[in-house]
Amino acid sequence: MGFGGIGIWQLLIVLAIILLIFGTKRLRNLGGDLGGAIKGFKKAMSDEEKKEEQAKLAETKQQGDVIDATAEKKKDQA
């Protein structure tokens, strides 16, 4: 038994019918388009991660700047 009660022979028959209907050229193009979409998605995800890392570095750099100041009380206000 294969997926959900479908045997290997049924899967092979369905695959053969799909090949007859669409042809190998169209399936090859579909596979190439799908691969390109996945590649683009992975690239977009890695670019987004790089942007987040740069934003975090910029934020920590801003937080690292310290300005020394002292607060003095006014003697007139009491």
PDB file of N, CA and C in Angstrom:
ATOM      1  N   MET A   1       0.838  -1.184   0.000  1.00  0.00           N
ATOM      2  CA  MET A   1       0.000   0.000   0.000  1.00  0.00           C
ATOM      3  C   MET A   1       0.885   1.250   0.000  1.00  0.00           C
ATOM      4  N   GLY A   2       0.484   2.224  -0.744  1.00  0.00           N
ATOM      5  CA  GLY A   2       1.228   3.474  -0.861  1.00  0.00           C
ATOM      6  C   GLY A   2       0.587   4.573  -0.034  1.00  0.00           C
ATOM      7  N   PHE A   3       0.309   5.648  -0.687  1.00  0.00           N
ATOM      8  CA  PHE A   3      -0.231   6.824  -0.030  1.00  0.00           C
ATOM      9  C   PHE A   3      -1.746   6.714   0.102  1.00  0.00           C
ATOM     10  N   GLY A   4      -2.258   6.657   1.304  1.00  0.00           N
ATOM     11  CA  GLY A   4      -3.692   6.645   1.531  1.00  0.00           C
ATOM     12  C   GLY A   4      -4.417   5.489   0.867  1.00  0.00           C
ATOM     13  N   GLY A   5      -3.811   4.335   0.808  1.00  0.00           N
ATOM     14  CA  GLY A   5      -4.452   3.175   0.214  1.00  0.00           C
ATOM     15  C   GLY A   5      -4.243   3.050  -1.287  1.00  0.00           C
ATOM     16  N   ILE A   6      -3.445   3.932  -1.881  1.00  0.00           N
ATOM     17  CA  ILE A   6      -3.158   3.859  -3.316  1.00  0.00           C
ATOM     18  C   ILE A   6      -1.843   3.110  -3.482  1.00  0.00           C
ATOM     19  N   GLY A   7      -1.863   2.077  -4.293  1.00  0.00           N
ATOM     20  CA  GLY A   7      -0.672   1.267  -4.513  1.00  0.00           C
ATOM     21  C   GLY A   7       0.257   1.889  -5.538  1.00  0.00           C
ATOM     22  N   ILE A   8       1.432   1.301  -5.674  1.00  0.00           N
ATOM     23  CA  ILE A   8       2.447   1.804  -6.601  1.00  0.00           C
ATOM     24  C   ILE A   8       1.963   1.710  -8.042  1.00  0.00           C
ATOM     25  N   TRP A   9       1.214   0.644  -8.367  1.00  0.00           N
ATOM     26  CA  TRP A   9       0.738   0.481  -9.745  1.00  0.00           C
ATOM     27  C   TRP A   9      -0.271   1.567 -10.108  1.00  0.00           C
ATOM     28  N   GLN A  10      -1.127   1.937  -9.176  1.00  0.00           N
ATOM     29  CA  GLN A  10      -2.083   3.007  -9.452  1.00  0.00           C
ATOM     30  C   GLN A  10      -1.362   4.336  -9.676  1.00  0.00           C
ATOM     31  N   LEU A  11      -0.327   4.586  -8.882  1.00  0.00           N
ATOM     32  CA  LEU A  11       0.452   5.813  -9.051  1.00  0.00           C
ATOM     33  C   LEU A  11       1.147   5.844 -10.410  1.00  0.00           C
ATOM     34  N   LEU A  12       1.686   4.707 -10.838  1.00  0.00           N
ATOM     35  CA  LEU A  12       2.344   4.641 -12.143  1.00  0.00           C
ATOM     36  C   LEU A  12       1.357   4.866 -13.286  1.00  0.00           C
ATOM     37  N   ILE A  13       0.152   4.333 -13.155  1.00  0.00           N
ATOM     38  CA  ILE A  13      -0.868   4.535 -14.189  1.00  0.00           C
ATOM     39  C   ILE A  13      -1.268   6.006 -14.264  1.00  0.00           C
ATOM     40  N   VAL A  14      -1.455   6.644 -13.114  1.00  0.00           N
ATOM     41  CA  VAL A  14      -1.797   8.073 -13.088  1.00  0.00           C
ATOM     42  C   VAL A  14      -0.671   8.888 -13.710  1.00  0.00           C
ATOM     43  N   LEU A  15       0.569   8.565 -13.401  1.00  0.00           N
ATOM     44  CA  LEU A  15       1.714   9.268 -13.979  1.00  0.00           C
ATOM     45  C   LEU A  15       1.756   9.104 -15.492  1.00  0.00           C
ATOM     46  N   ALA A  16       1.483   7.902 -15.980  1.00  0.00           N
ATOM     47  CA  ALA A  16       1.468   7.657 -17.427  1.00  0.00           C
ATOM     48  C   ALA A  16       0.367   8.464 -18.110  1.00  0.00           C
ATOM     49  N   ILE A  17      -0.796   8.553 -17.491  1.00  0.00           N
ATOM     50  CA  ILE A  17      -1.896   9.344 -18.064  1.00  0.00           C
ATOM     51  C   ILE A  17      -1.532  10.825 -18.104  1.00  0.00           C
ATOM     52  N   ILE A  18      -0.901  11.315 -17.049  1.00  0.00           N
ATOM     53  CA  ILE A  18      -0.475  12.723 -17.013  1.00  0.00           C
ATOM     54  C   ILE A  18       0.541  12.989 -18.112  1.00  0.00           C
ATOM     55  N   LEU A  19       1.479  12.068 -18.311  1.00  0.00           N
ATOM     56  CA  LEU A  19       2.465  12.229 -19.383  1.00  0.00           C
ATOM     57  C   LEU A  19       1.801  12.256 -20.755  1.00  0.00           C
ATOM     58  N   LEU A  20       0.792  11.423 -20.954  1.00  0.00           N
ATOM     59  CA  LEU A  20       0.091  11.403 -22.238  1.00  0.00           C
ATOM     60  C   LEU A  20      -0.694  12.691 -22.475  1.00  0.00           C
ATOM     61  N   ILE A  21      -1.303  13.218 -21.430  1.00  0.00           N
ATOM     62  CA  ILE A  21      -2.124  14.425 -21.580  1.00  0.00           C
ATOM     63  C   ILE A  21      -1.250  15.659 -21.808  1.00  0.00           C
ATOM     64  N   PHE A  22      -0.266  15.862 -20.962  1.00  0.00           N
ATOM     65  CA  PHE A  22       0.521  17.095 -21.015  1.00  0.00           C
ATOM     66  C   PHE A  22       1.759  16.985 -21.898  1.00  0.00           C
ATOM     67  N   GLY A  23       2.332  15.841 -22.009  1.00  0.00           N
ATOM     68  CA  GLY A  23       3.557  15.684 -22.781  1.00  0.00           C
ATOM     69  C   GLY A  23       4.776  16.006 -21.936  1.00  0.00           C
ATOM     70  N   THR A  24       5.917  15.486 -22.365  1.00  0.00           N
ATOM     71  CA  THR A  24       7.140  15.659 -21.574  1.00  0.00           C
ATOM     72  C   THR A  24       7.661  17.088 -21.629  1.00  0.00           C
ATOM     73  N   LYS A  25       7.481  17.767 -22.767  1.00  0.00           N
ATOM     74  CA  LYS A  25       8.002  19.128 -22.889  1.00  0.00           C
ATOM     75  C   LYS A  25       7.291  20.072 -21.923  1.00  0.00           C
ATOM     76  N   ARG A  26       5.978  19.969 -21.849  1.00  0.00           N
ATOM     77  CA  ARG A  26       5.220  20.842 -20.959  1.00  0.00           C
ATOM     78  C   ARG A  26       5.551  20.535 -19.495  1.00  0.00           C
ATOM     79  N   LEU A  27       5.707  19.256 -19.163  1.00  0.00           N
ATOM     80  CA  LEU A  27       6.067  18.894 -17.790  1.00  0.00           C
ATOM     81  C   LEU A  27       7.472  19.377 -17.442  1.00  0.00           C
ATOM     82  N   ARG A  28       8.391  19.325 -18.409  1.00  0.00           N
ATOM     83  CA  ARG A  28       9.745  19.819 -18.188  1.00  0.00           C
ATOM     84  C   ARG A  28       9.713  21.327 -17.917  1.00  0.00           C
ATOM     85  N   ASN A  29       8.919  22.049 -18.702  1.00  0.00           N
ATOM     86  CA  ASN A  29       8.785  23.493 -18.489  1.00  0.00           C
ATOM     87  C   ASN A  29       8.168  23.793 -17.131  1.00  0.00           C
ATOM     88  N   LEU A  30       7.179  23.015 -16.753  1.00  0.00           N
ATOM     89  CA  LEU A  30       6.537  23.191 -15.455  1.00  0.00           C
ATOM     90  C   LEU A  30       7.534  22.949 -14.324  1.00  0.00           C
ATOM     91  N   GLY A  31       8.358  21.913 -14.478  1.00  0.00           N
ATOM     92  CA  GLY A  31       9.385  21.629 -13.470  1.00  0.00           C
ATOM     93  C   GLY A  31      10.410  22.742 -13.377  1.00  0.00           C
ATOM     94  N   GLY A  32      10.804  23.294 -14.527  1.00  0.00           N
ATOM     95  CA  GLY A  32      11.755  24.409 -14.525  1.00  0.00           C
ATOM     96  C   GLY A  32      11.169  25.647 -13.873  1.00  0.00           C
ATOM     97  N   ASP A  33       9.898  25.918 -14.157  1.00  0.00           N
ATOM     98  CA  ASP A  33       9.235  27.066 -13.535  1.00  0.00           C
ATOM     99  C   ASP A  33       9.119  26.891 -12.029  1.00  0.00           C
ATOM    100  N   LEU A  34       8.785  25.694 -11.613  1.00  0.00           N
ATOM    101  CA  LEU A  34       8.669  25.412 -10.183  1.00  0.00           C
ATOM    102  C   LEU A  34      10.026  25.550  -9.494  1.00  0.00           C
ATOM    103  N   GLY A  35      11.076  25.041 -10.131  1.00  0.00           N
ATOM    104  CA  GLY A  35      12.425  25.170  -9.567  1.00  0.00           C
ATOM    105  C   GLY A  35      12.856  26.620  -9.473  1.00  0.00           C
ATOM    106  N   GLY A  36      12.541  27.419 -10.493  1.00  0.00           N
ATOM    107  CA  GLY A  36      12.878  28.842 -10.461  1.00  0.00           C
ATOM    108  C   GLY A  36      12.129  29.578  -9.360  1.00  0.00           C
ATOM    109  N   ALA A  37      10.876  29.202  -9.149  1.00  0.00           N
ATOM    110  CA  ALA A  37      10.085  29.832  -8.089  1.00  0.00           C
ATOM    111  C   ALA A  37      10.658  29.504  -6.715  1.00  0.00           C
ATOM    112  N   ILE A  38      11.056  28.260  -6.524  1.00  0.00           N
ATOM    113  CA  ILE A  38      11.637  27.860  -5.237  1.00  0.00           C
ATOM    114  C   ILE A  38      12.963  28.576  -5.011  1.00  0.00           C
ATOM    115  N   LYS A  39      13.774  28.680  -6.061  1.00  0.00           N
ATOM    116  CA  LYS A  39      15.060  29.373  -5.954  1.00  0.00           C
ATOM    117  C   LYS A  39      14.844  30.845  -5.600  1.00  0.00           C
ATOM    118  N   GLY A  40      13.873  31.488  -6.243  1.00  0.00           N
ATOM    119  CA  GLY A  40      13.565  32.884  -5.946  1.00  0.00           C
ATOM    120  C   GLY A  40      13.072  33.062  -4.522  1.00  0.00           C
ATOM    121  N   PHE A  41      12.258  32.127  -4.043  1.00  0.00           N
ATOM    122  CA  PHE A  41      11.754  32.192  -2.675  1.00  0.00           C
ATOM    123  C   PHE A  41      12.889  32.080  -1.668  1.00  0.00           C
ATOM    124  N   LYS A  42      13.808  31.142  -1.900  1.00  0.00           N
ATOM    125  CA  LYS A  42      14.947  30.978  -0.989  1.00  0.00           C
ATOM    126  C   LYS A  42      15.824  32.221  -0.980  1.00  0.00           C
ATOM    127  N   LYS A  43      16.027  32.829  -2.151  1.00  0.00           N
ATOM    128  CA  LYS A  43      16.842  34.038  -2.242  1.00  0.00           C
ATOM    129  C   LYS A  43      16.182  35.183  -1.482  1.00  0.00           C
ATOM    130  N   ALA A  44      14.875  35.314  -1.627  1.00  0.00           N
ATOM    131  CA  ALA A  44      14.152  36.368  -0.921  1.00  0.00           C
ATOM    132  C   ALA A  44      14.230  36.168   0.587  1.00  0.00           C
ATOM    133  N   MET A  45      14.142  34.923   1.036  1.00  0.00           N
ATOM    134  CA  MET A  45      14.233  34.646   2.468  1.00  0.00           C
ATOM    135  C   MET A  45      15.622  34.980   2.999  1.00  0.00           C
ATOM    136  N   SER A  46      16.675  34.634   2.268  1.00  0.00           N
ATOM    137  CA  SER A  46      18.030  34.925   2.739  1.00  0.00           C
ATOM    138  C   SER A  46      18.289  36.432   2.714  1.00  0.00           C
ATOM    139  N   ASP A  47      17.742  37.141   1.716  1.00  0.00           N
ATOM    140  CA  ASP A  47      17.894  38.593   1.679  1.00  0.00           C
ATOM    141  C   ASP A  47      17.198  39.239   2.869  1.00  0.00           C
ATOM    142  N   GLU A  48      16.024  38.735   3.226  1.00  0.00           N
ATOM    143  CA  GLU A  48      15.277  39.274   4.359  1.00  0.00           C
ATOM    144  C   GLU A  48      16.041  39.040   5.661  1.00  0.00           C
ATOM    145  N   GLU A  49      16.656  37.868   5.806  1.00  0.00           N
ATOM    146  CA  GLU A  49      17.436  37.578   7.008  1.00  0.00           C
ATOM    147  C   GLU A  49      18.634  38.516   7.110  1.00  0.00           C
ATOM    148  N   LYS A  50      19.276  38.805   5.983  1.00  0.00           N
ATOM    149  CA  LYS A  50      20.417  39.719   5.990  1.00  0.00           C
ATOM    150  C   LYS A  50      19.980  41.117   6.405  1.00  0.00           C
ATOM    151  N   LYS A  51      18.816  41.568   5.918  1.00  0.00           N
ATOM    152  CA  LYS A  51      18.305  42.887   6.290  1.00  0.00           C
ATOM    153  C   LYS A  51      18.015  42.954   7.780  1.00  0.00           C
ATOM    154  N   GLU A  52      17.436  41.885   8.329  1.00  0.00           N
ATOM    155  CA  GLU A  52      17.144  41.849   9.758  1.00  0.00           C
ATOM    156  C   GLU A  52      18.429  41.904  10.576  1.00  0.00           C
ATOM    157  N   GLU A  53      19.458  41.170  10.150  1.00  0.00           N
ATOM    158  CA  GLU A  53      20.730  41.182  10.866  1.00  0.00           C
ATOM    159  C   GLU A  53      21.356  42.570  10.830  1.00  0.00           C
ATOM    160  N   GLN A  54      21.305  43.235   9.675  1.00  0.00           N
ATOM    161  CA  GLN A  54      21.859  44.579   9.561  1.00  0.00           C
ATOM    162  C   GLN A  54      21.089  45.554  10.440  1.00  0.00           C
ATOM    163  N   ALA A  55      19.776  45.404  10.520  1.00  0.00           N
ATOM    164  CA  ALA A  55      18.968  46.283  11.365  1.00  0.00           C
ATOM    165  C   ALA A  55      19.317  46.076  12.834  1.00  0.00           C
ATOM    166  N   LYS A  56      19.526  44.819  13.234  1.00  0.00           N
ATOM    167  CA  LYS A  56      19.886  44.544  14.623  1.00  0.00           C
ATOM    168  C   LYS A  56      21.259  45.122  14.946  1.00  0.00           C
ATOM    169  N   LEU A  57      22.210  45.002  14.014  1.00  0.00           N
ATOM    170  CA  LEU A  57      23.539  45.557  14.242  1.00  0.00           C
ATOM    171  C   LEU A  57      23.480  47.073  14.363  1.00  0.00           C
ATOM    172  N   ALA A  58      22.689  47.718  13.524  1.00  0.00           N
ATOM    173  CA  ALA A  58      22.556  49.170  13.587  1.00  0.00           C
ATOM    174  C   ALA A  58      21.904  49.587  14.899  1.00  0.00           C
ATOM    175  N   GLU A  59      20.931  48.816  15.362  1.00  0.00           N
ATOM    176  CA  GLU A  59      20.245  49.136  16.607  1.00  0.00           C
ATOM    177  C   GLU A  59      21.190  49.001  17.795  1.00  0.00           C
ATOM    178  N   THR A  60      21.991  47.938  17.833  1.00  0.00           N
ATOM    179  CA  THR A  60      22.919  47.762  18.944  1.00  0.00           C
ATOM    180  C   THR A  60      24.013  48.812  18.899  1.00  0.00           C
ATOM    181  N   LYS A  61      24.389  49.251  17.702  1.00  0.00           N
ATOM    182  CA  LYS A  61      25.396  50.294  17.593  1.00  0.00           C
ATOM    183  C   LYS A  61      24.853  51.604  18.144  1.00  0.00           C
ATOM    184  N   GLN A  62      23.589  51.910  17.875  1.00  0.00           N
ATOM    185  CA  GLN A  62      22.989  53.129  18.397  1.00  0.00           C
ATOM    186  C   GLN A  62      22.867  53.052  19.909  1.00  0.00           C
ATOM    187  N   GLN A  63      22.537  51.899  20.436  1.00  0.00           N
ATOM    188  CA  GLN A  63      22.398  51.747  21.872  1.00  0.00           C
ATOM    189  C   GLN A  63      23.750  51.820  22.564  1.00  0.00           C
ATOM    190  N   GLY A  64      24.820  51.574  21.868  1.00  0.00           N
ATOM    191  CA  GLY A  64      26.140  51.572  22.453  1.00  0.00           C
ATOM    192  C   GLY A  64      26.708  52.963  22.697  1.00  0.00           C
ATOM    193  N   ASP A  65      26.188  53.995  22.042  1.00  0.00           N
ATOM    194  CA  ASP A  65      26.671  55.350  22.240  1.00  0.00           C
ATOM    195  C   ASP A  65      26.167  55.868  23.585  1.00  0.00           C
ATOM    196  N   VAL A  66      27.109  56.263  24.462  1.00  0.00           N
ATOM    197  CA  VAL A  66      26.750  56.721  25.796  1.00  0.00           C
ATOM    198  C   VAL A  66      27.168  58.174  25.938  1.00  0.00           C
ATOM    199  N   ILE A  67      26.278  58.957  26.471  1.00  0.00           N
ATOM    200  CA  ILE A  67      26.573  60.364  26.732  1.00  0.00           C
ATOM    201  C   ILE A  67      26.564  60.542  28.240  1.00  0.00           C
ATOM    202  N   ASP A  68      27.707  61.019  28.775  1.00  0.00           N
ATOM    203  CA  ASP A  68      27.803  61.251  30.210  1.00  0.00           C
ATOM    204  C   ASP A  68      27.221  62.619  30.536  1.00  0.00           C
ATOM    205  N   ALA A  69      26.372  62.642  31.522  1.00  0.00           N
ATOM    206  CA  ALA A  69      25.785  63.902  31.964  1.00  0.00           C
ATOM    207  C   ALA A  69      25.462  63.763  33.443  1.00  0.00           C
ATOM    208  N   THR A  70      25.526  64.858  34.117  1.00  0.00           N
ATOM    209  CA  THR A  70      25.172  64.842  35.532  1.00  0.00           C
ATOM    210  C   THR A  70      23.976  65.752  35.737  1.00  0.00           C
ATOM    211  N   ALA A  71      23.141  65.359  36.633  1.00  0.00           N
ATOM    212  CA  ALA A  71      21.956  66.151  36.939  1.00  0.00           C
ATOM    213  C   ALA A  71      22.237  66.940  38.206  1.00  0.00           C
ATOM    214  N   GLU A  72      21.950  68.196  38.134  1.00  0.00           N
ATOM    215  CA  GLU A  72      22.154  69.047  39.304  1.00  0.00           C
ATOM    216  C   GLU A  72      20.805  69.566  39.772  1.00  0.00           C
ATOM    217  N   LYS A  73      20.657  69.642  41.078  1.00  0.00           N
ATOM    218  CA  LYS A  73      19.426  70.175  41.640  1.00  0.00           C
ATOM    219  C   LYS A  73      19.540  71.690  41.711  1.00  0.00           C
ATOM    220  N   LYS A  74      18.434  72.323  41.419  1.00  0.00           N
ATOM    221  CA  LYS A  74      18.407  73.772  41.586  1.00  0.00           C
ATOM    222  C   LYS A  74      18.103  74.078  43.042  1.00  0.00           C
ATOM    223  N   LYS A  75      18.862  74.948  43.610  1.00  0.00           N
ATOM    224  CA  LYS A  75      18.678  75.279  45.020  1.00  0.00           C
ATOM    225  C   LYS A  75      17.505  76.232  45.215  1.00  0.00           C
ATOM    226  N   ASP A  76      17.099  76.906  44.156  1.00  0.00           N
ATOM    227  CA  ASP A  76      15.997  77.860  44.265  1.00  0.00           C
ATOM    228  C   ASP A  76      14.659  77.154  44.462  1.00  0.00           C
ATOM    229  N   GLN A  77      14.515  75.979  43.935  1.00  0.00           N
ATOM    230  CA  GLN A  77      13.247  75.262  44.048  1.00  0.00           C
ATOM    231  C   GLN A  77      13.265  74.398  45.296  1.00  0.00           C
ATOM    232  N   ALA A  78      12.458  74.742  46.241  1.00  0.00           N
ATOM    233  CA  ALA A  78      12.391  73.937  47.451  1.00  0.00           C
ATOM    234  C   ALA A  78      11.027  74.012  48.061  1.00  0.00           C
TER     235      ALA A  78
END
